[in-house]
């Protein structure tokens, strides 16, 4: 099976760390043109087929500026709503400010990006692919995850509804829900002891690599996917089977 994204433009939010960074790398290897958004663009330089755009969904000016720029891009074939944030707290200690920040990034951002990018896809008339990066915590949950789980569950609803709206235009919308992924952020938050404890919960006995997640997304965005839409793909090493 040969994958090739030559002539395709891919927009990835949160494309400078973790899963987003892996996706950018893999799409570039497969000849795609990649646009990555980031909240910190100072140390990043554009390269051949790779460019960076500043986007902070919690900054009104940044968001408005970015959407104005998006409207001037005449071709986006693939959108990956990857950016996400989290804050862990019990339900009785949730602060409204934190709730708004998480939802601005995790659900409101994907909603309006899907709205604007799908217009570009429809205008070209050649269809497109949209992937929303949710989480197993949009399907199951655990303590102190109320805000995050609510936002990721909402993202699954957005996936299904927008898939129905856009299917007749050959724009396929799906979501991918990773479990525990071995990234620098995960290692920083959990520490060595926490990592070992989490791995004990995973039937496959290891965390996912960013490549594990990217491989699935690459397939869903490729020409080999011509009929799958409105679905959520859990990739968690068996955690949610228990």
Protein backbone atom coordinates (compact mmCIF):
# COMPACT_ATOMS: atom_id res chain seq x y z
CA UNK A 1 0.00 0.00 0.00
CA UNK A 2 1.61 3.22 -1.17
CA UNK A 3 0.61 6.45 0.54
CA UNK A 4 1.27 9.78 -1.12
CA UNK A 5 -0.05 13.23 -0.20
CA UNK A 6 1.60 15.07 -3.08
CA UNK A 7 -0.50 18.09 -3.97
CA UNK A 8 -2.37 17.99 -0.65
CA UNK A 9 -2.36 20.79 1.92
CA UNK A 10 -2.73 19.67 5.53
CA UNK A 11 -3.59 21.99 8.43
CA UNK A 12 -2.67 20.65 11.88
CA UNK A 13 -3.47 22.56 15.06
CA UNK A 14 -0.99 22.11 17.89
CA UNK A 15 1.50 20.79 15.37
CA UNK A 16 4.75 21.39 17.24
CA UNK A 17 4.52 18.84 20.06
CA UNK A 18 3.53 15.23 20.64
CA UNK A 19 1.01 13.75 18.21
CA UNK A 20 0.81 16.93 16.14
CA UNK A 21 4.57 17.04 15.62
CA UNK A 22 4.61 13.38 14.60
CA UNK A 23 1.79 13.97 12.13
CA UNK A 24 3.59 16.93 10.57
CA UNK A 25 6.74 14.83 10.17
CA UNK A 26 4.86 11.90 8.62
CA UNK A 27 2.82 14.00 6.20
CA UNK A 28 5.99 15.77 5.04
CA UNK A 29 7.67 12.41 4.40
CA UNK A 30 4.68 11.50 2.26
CA UNK A 31 5.08 14.67 0.15
CA UNK A 32 2.30 16.72 1.76
CA UNK A 33 2.37 20.48 2.32
CA UNK A 34 1.87 21.10 6.04
CA UNK A 35 0.66 24.14 7.95
CA UNK A 36 1.05 23.86 11.73
CA UNK A 37 -0.48 26.14 14.32
CA UNK A 38 1.27 26.90 17.59
CA UNK A 39 0.88 29.25 20.54
CA UNK A 40 4.64 29.98 20.49
CA UNK A 41 5.98 30.80 17.05
CA UNK A 42 9.09 32.81 18.05
CA UNK A 43 11.69 30.06 17.62
CA UNK A 44 10.09 28.39 14.60
CA UNK A 45 11.14 28.94 11.01
CA UNK A 46 9.24 28.04 7.89
CA UNK A 47 10.82 25.34 5.73
CA UNK A 48 10.08 23.74 2.40
CA UNK A 49 6.49 22.46 2.50
CA UNK A 50 6.23 23.32 6.22
CA UNK A 51 4.94 26.59 7.62
CA UNK A 52 3.84 27.79 11.05
CA UNK A 53 0.95 30.03 12.05
CA UNK A 54 0.31 31.56 15.46
CA UNK A 55 -3.00 30.49 16.97
CA UNK A 56 -4.14 30.73 20.57
CA UNK A 57 -7.83 29.98 21.00
CA UNK A 58 -7.76 31.79 24.35
CA UNK A 59 -6.52 35.00 22.72
CA UNK A 60 -9.25 36.84 20.82
CA UNK A 61 -6.80 38.82 18.65
CA UNK A 62 -4.78 35.72 17.76
CA UNK A 63 -7.93 33.80 16.84
CA UNK A 64 -9.38 36.62 14.75
CA UNK A 65 -6.07 37.18 12.92
CA UNK A 66 -5.71 33.47 12.17
CA UNK A 67 -9.24 33.08 10.81
CA UNK A 68 -8.73 36.10 8.58
CA UNK A 69 -5.61 34.42 7.17
CA UNK A 70 -7.41 31.10 6.73
CA UNK A 71 -10.04 32.75 4.55
CA UNK A 72 -7.26 33.77 2.12
CA UNK A 73 -5.89 30.24 1.76
CA UNK A 74 -7.50 28.81 -1.36
CA UNK A 75 -6.71 25.15 -0.74
CA UNK A 76 -6.88 22.96 2.37
CA UNK A 77 -7.44 19.26 1.75
CA UNK A 78 -7.04 17.91 5.27
CA UNK A 79 -7.79 19.45 8.67
CA UNK A 80 -6.59 17.84 11.88
CA UNK A 81 -8.02 19.41 15.04
CA UNK A 82 -5.27 18.26 17.37
CA UNK A 83 -4.70 21.14 19.80
CA UNK A 84 -5.95 20.43 23.29
CA UNK A 85 -5.41 21.42 26.91
CA UNK A 86 -6.35 19.94 30.25
CA UNK A 87 -6.54 20.87 33.91
CA UNK A 88 -7.14 18.25 36.55
CA UNK A 89 -9.51 19.16 39.39
CA UNK A 90 -12.41 17.68 41.31
CA UNK A 91 -15.93 18.69 40.29
CA UNK A 92 -16.50 20.77 43.43
CA UNK A 93 -13.35 22.84 42.82
CA UNK A 94 -13.78 23.70 39.15
CA UNK A 95 -13.22 27.35 38.29
CA UNK A 96 -15.32 28.91 35.54
CA UNK A 97 -12.19 30.51 34.00
CA UNK A 98 -10.57 27.09 33.60
CA UNK A 99 -13.78 25.67 32.12
CA UNK A 100 -13.86 28.39 29.45
CA UNK A 101 -10.15 28.03 28.61
CA UNK A 102 -10.43 24.27 28.11
CA UNK A 103 -13.59 24.52 26.02
CA UNK A 104 -12.19 27.36 23.90
CA UNK A 105 -9.34 25.09 22.80
CA UNK A 106 -10.87 21.62 22.90
CA UNK A 107 -14.29 22.18 21.31
CA UNK A 108 -14.96 25.77 20.27
CA UNK A 109 -11.73 25.92 18.25
CA UNK A 110 -12.48 22.71 16.30
CA UNK A 111 -16.07 23.84 15.75
CA UNK A 112 -15.14 27.10 14.04
CA UNK A 113 -12.14 25.64 12.20
CA UNK A 114 -14.37 22.92 10.78
CA UNK A 115 -16.85 25.60 9.75
CA UNK A 116 -14.27 27.74 7.92
CA UNK A 117 -12.09 24.99 6.44
CA UNK A 118 -15.08 23.03 5.15
CA UNK A 119 -16.10 26.15 3.19
CA UNK A 120 -12.74 26.00 1.42
CA UNK A 121 -13.17 22.28 0.74
CA UNK A 122 -16.69 22.78 -0.61
CA UNK A 123 -15.58 25.67 -2.81
CA UNK A 124 -12.97 23.47 -4.48
CA UNK A 125 -15.54 20.70 -4.88
CA UNK A 126 -13.06 17.87 -4.43
CA UNK A 127 -13.99 16.86 -0.90
CA UNK A 128 -11.62 16.56 2.01
CA UNK A 129 -10.79 14.87 5.29
CA UNK A 130 -11.28 16.23 8.82
CA UNK A 131 -9.92 14.44 11.88
CA UNK A 132 -10.75 15.48 15.44
CA UNK A 133 -8.34 14.27 18.10
CA UNK A 134 -10.51 13.34 21.06
CA UNK A 135 -9.48 11.02 23.91
CA UNK A 136 -10.56 7.86 25.68
CA UNK A 137 -11.72 10.32 28.35
CA UNK A 138 -14.40 11.40 25.90
CA UNK A 139 -15.74 7.83 26.13
CA UNK A 140 -14.82 6.81 29.68
CA UNK A 141 -13.38 8.93 32.47
CA UNK A 142 -11.67 8.99 35.84
CA UNK A 143 -11.59 11.31 38.83
CA UNK A 144 -10.65 14.97 38.34
CA UNK A 145 -11.35 14.86 34.59
CA UNK A 146 -14.77 16.58 34.47
CA UNK A 147 -13.78 19.54 32.32
CA UNK A 148 -11.58 17.54 29.96
CA UNK A 149 -14.06 14.67 29.56
CA UNK A 150 -16.90 17.09 28.88
CA UNK A 151 -14.94 18.83 26.13
CA UNK A 152 -13.74 15.59 24.51
CA UNK A 153 -17.24 14.07 24.63
CA UNK A 154 -18.54 17.20 22.91
CA UNK A 155 -15.89 16.75 20.23
CA UNK A 156 -17.28 13.28 19.46
CA UNK A 157 -20.74 14.82 19.02
CA UNK A 158 -19.28 17.46 16.71
CA UNK A 159 -17.63 14.71 14.66
CA UNK A 160 -20.88 12.81 14.10
CA UNK A 161 -23.01 15.87 13.34
CA UNK A 162 -20.52 17.56 11.00
CA UNK A 163 -19.98 14.24 9.19
CA UNK A 164 -23.70 14.20 8.38
CA UNK A 165 -23.65 17.82 7.23
CA UNK A 166 -20.62 17.35 4.97
CA UNK A 167 -20.91 13.78 3.67
CA UNK A 168 -22.84 14.76 0.54
CA UNK A 169 -19.88 16.98 -0.38
CA UNK A 170 -17.41 14.07 0.01
CA UNK A 171 -15.87 15.62 3.14
CA UNK A 172 -15.25 12.75 5.54
CA UNK A 173 -15.12 13.60 9.25
CA UNK A 174 -13.82 11.18 11.87
CA UNK A 175 -12.35 11.30 15.35
CA UNK A 176 -9.44 9.43 16.89
CA UNK A 177 -9.40 8.86 20.65
CA UNK A 178 -5.95 7.99 21.97
CA UNK A 179 -5.38 6.42 25.36
CA UNK A 180 -2.11 6.98 27.19
CA UNK A 181 0.58 8.23 24.81
CA UNK A 182 4.27 8.38 25.65
CA UNK A 183 5.08 12.04 25.06
CA UNK A 184 7.35 14.48 26.85
CA UNK A 185 4.30 16.09 28.46
CA UNK A 186 3.02 12.72 29.73
CA UNK A 187 6.44 11.91 31.18
CA UNK A 188 6.65 15.32 32.83
CA UNK A 189 3.19 15.07 34.42
CA UNK A 190 3.36 11.44 35.58
CA UNK A 191 7.03 10.97 36.40
CA UNK A 192 8.69 7.54 36.34
CA UNK A 193 6.50 6.08 39.08
CA UNK A 194 3.30 7.34 37.50
CA UNK A 195 4.33 5.99 34.11
CA UNK A 196 4.90 2.52 35.57
CA UNK A 197 1.53 2.58 37.32
CA UNK A 198 -0.31 3.61 34.15
CA UNK A 199 1.39 0.89 32.08
CA UNK A 200 0.04 -1.69 34.54
CA UNK A 201 -3.49 -0.60 33.51
CA UNK A 202 -2.83 -1.16 29.79
CA UNK A 203 -3.50 -4.71 28.52
CA UNK A 204 -0.82 -4.39 25.83
CA UNK A 205 1.63 -3.37 28.60
CA UNK A 206 3.03 -0.24 27.03
CA UNK A 207 1.90 3.27 26.24
CA UNK A 208 1.18 4.25 22.67
CA UNK A 209 3.88 5.97 20.71
CA UNK A 210 3.00 9.07 18.71
CA UNK A 211 3.70 6.95 15.63
CA UNK A 212 0.98 4.46 16.69
CA UNK A 213 -1.53 7.30 16.63
CA UNK A 214 -0.18 8.92 13.47
CA UNK A 215 -0.37 5.67 11.47
CA UNK A 216 -4.13 5.46 11.96
CA UNK A 217 -4.71 9.12 11.16
CA UNK A 218 -2.59 8.95 8.02
CA UNK A 219 -4.74 6.07 6.76
CA UNK A 220 -8.00 7.90 7.51
CA UNK A 221 -6.72 10.94 5.59
CA UNK A 222 -5.48 8.94 2.61
CA UNK A 223 -7.19 7.96 -0.61
CA UNK A 224 -7.61 4.47 0.86
CA UNK A 225 -10.39 5.91 3.00
CA UNK A 226 -13.25 6.74 0.68
CA UNK A 227 -16.25 5.64 2.79
CA UNK A 228 -15.52 5.94 6.52
CA UNK A 229 -17.11 8.98 8.13
CA UNK A 230 -18.71 9.96 11.45
CA UNK A 231 -16.74 7.33 13.37
CA UNK A 232 -14.63 7.41 16.50
CA UNK A 233 -11.52 5.23 16.56
CA UNK A 234 -10.23 4.34 20.02
CA UNK A 235 -6.54 3.51 20.06
CA UNK A 236 -5.63 2.67 23.65
CA UNK A 237 -3.96 -0.74 23.83
CA UNK A 238 -7.15 -2.28 25.19
CA UNK A 239 -7.76 0.00 28.19
CA UNK A 240 -11.45 0.57 27.43
CA UNK A 241 -12.07 -3.15 26.90
CA UNK A 242 -12.01 -3.72 30.64
